[in-house]
Amino acid sequence: HLGTISCRGDAYLRTLLIQGARSSLQRAKVTAQDRATPEQIWIRQLACRMPFGKLLVAIANKHARQLWAMLAHEETYDAEAWLKHPMVQRPAGKHAVRIAGMA
């Protein structure tokens, strides 16, 4: 269990994660729908149903988990890694989100 972003730990690191989340949110808002990345689509979906502050913490939490996974497995960032995920390989159901460039 990785836990949540709490008031314990390094305040500067939390600040950086929240600032990065603000940047990701801003980028998701201005990117055209047909050019949006899977993360930007996820952010837009969250923004429709979540208050601003909670949304920032959710994005920051996702970024923290991504960073932890890269450090724990000694991997570099791969923007296309989501394509290899088993959930993406499955046939799309009736509630699937259509992503530009995917059949």
N, C-alpha and C. Protein backbone atom coordinates (compact mmCIF):
# COMPACT_ATOMS: atom_id res chain seq x y z
N HIS A 1 0.85 -1.18 0.00
CA HIS A 1 0.00 0.00 0.00
C HIS A 1 0.89 1.23 0.00
N LEU A 2 0.70 2.11 -0.96
CA LEU A 2 1.54 3.30 -1.08
C LEU A 2 1.05 4.46 -0.24
N GLY A 3 -0.18 4.40 0.24
CA GLY A 3 -0.69 5.48 1.08
C GLY A 3 -1.20 6.66 0.26
N THR A 4 -1.36 7.78 0.95
CA THR A 4 -1.90 8.99 0.32
C THR A 4 -0.92 10.13 0.52
N ILE A 5 -1.22 11.26 -0.08
CA ILE A 5 -0.42 12.46 0.15
C ILE A 5 -0.95 13.09 1.42
N SER A 6 -0.15 13.10 2.47
CA SER A 6 -0.59 13.63 3.77
C SER A 6 0.32 14.79 4.16
N CYS A 7 0.08 15.34 5.33
CA CYS A 7 0.88 16.45 5.83
C CYS A 7 2.18 15.99 6.45
N ARG A 8 2.42 14.68 6.47
CA ARG A 8 3.68 14.17 6.98
C ARG A 8 4.68 14.11 5.84
N GLY A 9 5.94 14.07 6.18
CA GLY A 9 6.96 13.95 5.15
C GLY A 9 7.46 15.30 4.67
N ASP A 10 8.11 15.30 3.54
CA ASP A 10 8.79 16.46 3.00
C ASP A 10 7.79 17.45 2.39
N ALA A 11 7.65 18.62 3.02
CA ALA A 11 6.71 19.64 2.55
C ALA A 11 7.11 20.16 1.17
N TYR A 12 8.40 20.28 0.93
CA TYR A 12 8.86 20.79 -0.37
C TYR A 12 8.51 19.82 -1.49
N LEU A 13 8.65 18.52 -1.25
CA LEU A 13 8.29 17.52 -2.25
C LEU A 13 6.79 17.56 -2.53
N ARG A 14 5.97 17.70 -1.48
CA ARG A 14 4.52 17.82 -1.68
C ARG A 14 4.20 19.04 -2.52
N THR A 15 4.89 20.15 -2.25
CA THR A 15 4.68 21.38 -3.02
C THR A 15 5.01 21.16 -4.49
N LEU A 16 6.13 20.49 -4.74
CA LEU A 16 6.51 20.22 -6.13
C LEU A 16 5.50 19.31 -6.83
N LEU A 17 4.99 18.31 -6.12
CA LEU A 17 4.00 17.42 -6.72
C LEU A 17 2.71 18.17 -7.05
N ILE A 18 2.27 19.05 -6.16
CA ILE A 18 1.05 19.83 -6.41
C ILE A 18 1.28 20.81 -7.56
N GLN A 19 2.44 21.44 -7.62
CA GLN A 19 2.73 22.34 -8.74
C GLN A 19 2.76 21.58 -10.07
N GLY A 20 3.34 20.39 -10.05
CA GLY A 20 3.32 19.56 -11.25
C GLY A 20 1.91 19.18 -11.65
N ALA A 21 1.06 18.93 -10.66
CA ALA A 21 -0.34 18.60 -10.92
C ALA A 21 -1.06 19.80 -11.55
N ARG A 22 -0.77 21.00 -11.05
CA ARG A 22 -1.36 22.22 -11.64
C ARG A 22 -0.97 22.34 -13.11
N SER A 23 0.29 22.07 -13.38
CA SER A 23 0.78 22.14 -14.76
C SER A 23 0.08 21.11 -15.65
N SER A 24 -0.06 19.90 -15.15
CA SER A 24 -0.74 18.84 -15.92
C SER A 24 -2.20 19.19 -16.16
N LEU A 25 -2.86 19.76 -15.15
CA LEU A 25 -4.26 20.15 -15.29
C LEU A 25 -4.40 21.25 -16.34
N GLN A 26 -3.54 22.25 -16.27
CA GLN A 26 -3.59 23.34 -17.24
C GLN A 26 -3.37 22.83 -18.66
N ARG A 27 -2.41 21.93 -18.82
CA ARG A 27 -2.11 21.36 -20.13
C ARG A 27 -3.28 20.53 -20.65
N ALA A 28 -3.93 19.79 -19.76
CA ALA A 28 -5.08 18.97 -20.16
C ALA A 28 -6.24 19.85 -20.63
N LYS A 29 -6.38 21.03 -20.02
CA LYS A 29 -7.47 21.93 -20.39
C LYS A 29 -7.27 22.54 -21.77
N VAL A 30 -6.01 22.85 -22.14
CA VAL A 30 -5.77 23.57 -23.40
C VAL A 30 -5.47 22.65 -24.58
N THR A 31 -5.23 21.37 -24.34
CA THR A 31 -4.93 20.44 -25.42
C THR A 31 -6.21 20.04 -26.13
N ALA A 32 -6.17 20.02 -27.46
CA ALA A 32 -7.33 19.61 -28.25
C ALA A 32 -7.70 18.17 -27.92
N GLN A 33 -8.98 17.86 -27.96
CA GLN A 33 -9.47 16.53 -27.59
C GLN A 33 -8.82 15.43 -28.42
N ASP A 34 -8.63 15.66 -29.71
CA ASP A 34 -8.07 14.61 -30.56
C ASP A 34 -6.57 14.43 -30.37
N ARG A 35 -5.92 15.34 -29.66
CA ARG A 35 -4.48 15.22 -29.42
C ARG A 35 -4.16 14.92 -27.95
N ALA A 36 -5.18 14.70 -27.15
CA ALA A 36 -5.00 14.48 -25.71
C ALA A 36 -4.38 13.11 -25.44
N THR A 37 -3.48 13.08 -24.46
CA THR A 37 -2.88 11.82 -24.03
C THR A 37 -3.86 11.08 -23.12
N PRO A 38 -3.62 9.80 -22.85
CA PRO A 38 -4.51 9.08 -21.92
C PRO A 38 -4.57 9.74 -20.54
N GLU A 39 -3.45 10.27 -20.07
CA GLU A 39 -3.47 10.95 -18.77
C GLU A 39 -4.32 12.21 -18.83
N GLN A 40 -4.24 12.96 -19.93
CA GLN A 40 -5.05 14.17 -20.06
C GLN A 40 -6.54 13.83 -20.14
N ILE A 41 -6.88 12.74 -20.79
CA ILE A 41 -8.27 12.30 -20.85
C ILE A 41 -8.75 11.95 -19.44
N TRP A 42 -7.90 11.23 -18.68
CA TRP A 42 -8.23 10.88 -17.30
C TRP A 42 -8.43 12.13 -16.45
N ILE A 43 -7.56 13.12 -16.62
CA ILE A 43 -7.66 14.37 -15.86
C ILE A 43 -8.96 15.09 -16.20
N ARG A 44 -9.32 15.14 -17.47
CA ARG A 44 -10.57 15.79 -17.87
C ARG A 44 -11.78 15.09 -17.27
N GLN A 45 -11.75 13.78 -17.25
CA GLN A 45 -12.87 13.03 -16.67
C GLN A 45 -12.98 13.30 -15.16
N LEU A 46 -11.84 13.36 -14.48
CA LEU A 46 -11.86 13.67 -13.05
C LEU A 46 -12.36 15.09 -12.79
N ALA A 47 -11.94 16.03 -13.64
CA ALA A 47 -12.30 17.44 -13.45
C ALA A 47 -13.81 17.65 -13.51
N CYS A 48 -14.51 16.78 -14.22
CA CYS A 48 -15.97 16.91 -14.33
C CYS A 48 -16.69 16.51 -13.04
N ARG A 49 -16.04 15.72 -12.20
CA ARG A 49 -16.75 15.20 -11.04
C ARG A 49 -16.05 15.44 -9.70
N MET A 50 -15.02 16.29 -9.69
CA MET A 50 -14.24 16.45 -8.47
C MET A 50 -13.91 17.93 -8.25
N PRO A 51 -13.93 18.41 -7.01
CA PRO A 51 -13.53 19.79 -6.73
C PRO A 51 -12.04 20.02 -7.05
N PHE A 52 -11.70 21.29 -7.29
CA PHE A 52 -10.36 21.65 -7.77
C PHE A 52 -9.24 21.13 -6.87
N GLY A 53 -9.32 21.39 -5.57
CA GLY A 53 -8.25 20.98 -4.65
C GLY A 53 -8.08 19.47 -4.60
N LYS A 54 -9.18 18.77 -4.55
CA LYS A 54 -9.13 17.31 -4.52
C LYS A 54 -8.57 16.77 -5.83
N LEU A 55 -8.91 17.42 -6.94
CA LEU A 55 -8.39 17.04 -8.25
C LEU A 55 -6.87 17.17 -8.29
N LEU A 56 -6.35 18.28 -7.77
CA LEU A 56 -4.89 18.47 -7.75
C LEU A 56 -4.20 17.37 -6.95
N VAL A 57 -4.76 17.02 -5.80
CA VAL A 57 -4.16 15.97 -4.97
C VAL A 57 -4.22 14.62 -5.68
N ALA A 58 -5.31 14.35 -6.39
CA ALA A 58 -5.43 13.08 -7.13
C ALA A 58 -4.37 12.99 -8.24
N ILE A 59 -4.16 14.09 -8.95
CA ILE A 59 -3.14 14.11 -10.01
C ILE A 59 -1.76 13.96 -9.40
N ALA A 60 -1.49 14.70 -8.31
CA ALA A 60 -0.20 14.63 -7.64
C ALA A 60 0.06 13.21 -7.12
N ASN A 61 -0.98 12.57 -6.60
CA ASN A 61 -0.85 11.20 -6.10
C ASN A 61 -0.49 10.26 -7.25
N LYS A 62 -1.13 10.43 -8.39
CA LYS A 62 -0.82 9.59 -9.55
C LYS A 62 0.64 9.80 -9.98
N HIS A 63 1.08 11.05 -10.00
CA HIS A 63 2.46 11.34 -10.37
C HIS A 63 3.43 10.72 -9.37
N ALA A 64 3.11 10.80 -8.08
CA ALA A 64 3.98 10.21 -7.05
C ALA A 64 4.09 8.70 -7.24
N ARG A 65 2.98 8.05 -7.56
CA ARG A 65 2.99 6.60 -7.78
C ARG A 65 3.80 6.24 -9.02
N GLN A 66 3.69 7.06 -10.07
CA GLN A 66 4.48 6.82 -11.28
C GLN A 66 5.97 6.97 -10.98
N LEU A 67 6.32 8.02 -10.23
CA LEU A 67 7.73 8.23 -9.86
C LEU A 67 8.25 7.08 -9.01
N TRP A 68 7.44 6.66 -8.02
CA TRP A 68 7.86 5.55 -7.17
C TRP A 68 8.10 4.29 -7.99
N ALA A 69 7.21 3.99 -8.92
CA ALA A 69 7.35 2.77 -9.73
C ALA A 69 8.61 2.84 -10.59
N MET A 70 8.89 4.01 -11.16
CA MET A 70 10.10 4.14 -11.99
C MET A 70 11.36 3.95 -11.14
N LEU A 71 11.38 4.54 -9.94
CA LEU A 71 12.54 4.40 -9.08
C LEU A 71 12.68 2.98 -8.54
N ALA A 72 11.57 2.37 -8.15
CA ALA A 72 11.60 1.02 -7.57
C ALA A 72 12.05 -0.02 -8.59
N HIS A 73 11.68 0.17 -9.85
CA HIS A 73 12.01 -0.81 -10.89
C HIS A 73 13.17 -0.35 -11.77
N GLU A 74 13.80 0.76 -11.38
CA GLU A 74 14.95 1.31 -12.10
C GLU A 74 14.66 1.44 -13.60
N GLU A 75 13.55 2.08 -13.91
CA GLU A 75 13.14 2.30 -15.29
C GLU A 75 13.16 3.79 -15.60
N THR A 76 13.23 4.10 -16.89
CA THR A 76 13.10 5.48 -17.33
C THR A 76 11.65 5.72 -17.73
N TYR A 77 11.28 6.98 -17.86
CA TYR A 77 9.90 7.31 -18.22
C TYR A 77 9.62 6.87 -19.65
N ASP A 78 8.50 6.21 -19.85
CA ASP A 78 8.07 5.75 -21.17
C ASP A 78 6.64 6.23 -21.38
N ALA A 79 6.46 7.25 -22.21
CA ALA A 79 5.14 7.81 -22.44
C ALA A 79 4.19 6.82 -23.10
N GLU A 80 4.72 5.81 -23.76
CA GLU A 80 3.88 4.83 -24.46
C GLU A 80 3.68 3.55 -23.64
N ALA A 81 4.10 3.52 -22.40
CA ALA A 81 4.00 2.31 -21.58
C ALA A 81 2.56 1.86 -21.40
N TRP A 82 1.64 2.78 -21.39
CA TRP A 82 0.22 2.42 -21.21
C TRP A 82 -0.29 1.52 -22.32
N LEU A 83 0.34 1.59 -23.50
CA LEU A 83 -0.10 0.74 -24.62
C LEU A 83 0.13 -0.74 -24.34
N LYS A 84 1.09 -1.04 -23.46
CA LYS A 84 1.45 -2.43 -23.15
C LYS A 84 0.59 -3.00 -22.01
N HIS A 85 -0.21 -2.16 -21.38
CA HIS A 85 -1.02 -2.60 -20.24
C HIS A 85 -2.10 -3.58 -20.71
N PRO A 86 -2.34 -4.66 -19.95
CA PRO A 86 -3.34 -5.67 -20.36
C PRO A 86 -4.74 -5.09 -20.57
N MET A 87 -5.12 -4.07 -19.82
CA MET A 87 -6.46 -3.50 -19.99
C MET A 87 -6.61 -2.82 -21.34
N VAL A 88 -5.53 -2.29 -21.89
CA VAL A 88 -5.58 -1.63 -23.20
C VAL A 88 -5.67 -2.68 -24.30
N GLN A 89 -5.08 -3.84 -24.08
CA GLN A 89 -5.05 -4.89 -25.08
C GLN A 89 -6.40 -5.57 -25.27
N ARG A 90 -7.28 -5.47 -24.26
CA ARG A 90 -8.59 -6.12 -24.35
C ARG A 90 -9.48 -5.42 -25.37
N PRO A 91 -10.43 -6.16 -25.95
CA PRO A 91 -11.40 -5.51 -26.85
C PRO A 91 -12.22 -4.49 -26.07
N ALA A 92 -12.53 -3.38 -26.70
CA ALA A 92 -13.26 -2.30 -26.04
C ALA A 92 -14.70 -2.70 -25.78
N GLY A 93 -15.17 -2.38 -24.59
CA GLY A 93 -16.57 -2.61 -24.23
C GLY A 93 -17.41 -1.41 -24.61
N LYS A 94 -18.68 -1.44 -24.25
CA LYS A 94 -19.56 -0.34 -24.64
C LYS A 94 -19.26 0.96 -23.89
N HIS A 95 -18.55 0.88 -22.75
CA HIS A 95 -18.23 2.07 -21.98
C HIS A 95 -16.78 2.53 -22.17
N ALA A 96 -16.10 1.99 -23.15
CA ALA A 96 -14.69 2.30 -23.35
C ALA A 96 -14.52 3.74 -23.84
N VAL A 97 -13.43 4.35 -23.42
CA VAL A 97 -13.08 5.69 -23.88
C VAL A 97 -12.29 5.55 -25.16
N ARG A 98 -12.69 6.24 -26.18
CA ARG A 98 -11.98 6.19 -27.46
C ARG A 98 -10.78 7.12 -27.39
N ILE A 99 -9.62 6.62 -27.80
CA ILE A 99 -8.38 7.38 -27.76
C ILE A 99 -7.89 7.56 -29.18
N ALA A 100 -7.52 8.80 -29.52
CA ALA A 100 -7.03 9.08 -30.87
C ALA A 100 -5.83 8.21 -31.19
N GLY A 101 -5.80 7.66 -32.37
CA GLY A 101 -4.69 6.82 -32.79
C GLY A 101 -4.87 5.36 -32.46
N MET A 102 -5.91 5.02 -31.71
CA MET A 102 -6.17 3.62 -31.35
C MET A 102 -7.31 3.11 -32.21
N ALA A 103 -7.21 1.86 -32.65
CA ALA A 103 -8.27 1.28 -33.49
C ALA A 103 -9.47 0.89 -32.66
